[in-house]
Amino acid sequence: MVTVVEDIELLLRRLDKLINELELLRTLPDERLRLSLAHRRALGRLIKLCIEVVFHLARHLLILKDPSHTQGDYMVIASKMGELGILPSLLSEYLRRLALLREKIIKHPEDIDYNDIHPFLHTYLKGIKEFRQIVAGYITTEEKREGDERESETEQA
């Protein structure tokens, strides 16, 4: 059985791969992003995958912080992350904007344009990297807590 920590570690590795891929694509000249529908659609798919991994991780953090928060759409998750102090308000706002971008990618992929992609690659990707660091910090804390609980159980036995 996979633990929450193991699942988060797997998701972090997946997020790292997506971030690396998006970083490479960020180097495309702006005119290629403006003109090429194929490039915009490919980037849209990568961005969508990245956003989904971010929110999967966010849901795990919410559950670790408060197990009653197992439901909710992406906007609810983004708000709860800020309300519970898991994320700074700016990152919580970034998550809300990412939720809206994901919805646009899913419902209207033909409408994805340079004005959607550029901010993601040059602003939100930085926020996702910061989010990744916060998640990694929670993992370290959770692993320590689990280790302390196992030691306590061993001492009691």
Foldseek 3Di string as FASTA:
>chain_A
DADLLNVLVVLLVVLVVLLVVLLVVLPPDLVCQAPPLVSLLVLLVSLLVNLVSLQVLLLSVVCVVPVVSNDDDQLVSLVVCCVVVLDPPVLSVLSNVSSVSSVCCVPPVSPRGSVSRVCCSPPVSVSSVVSSVSSVVVSVVVVVVVVVVVVVVVVVD
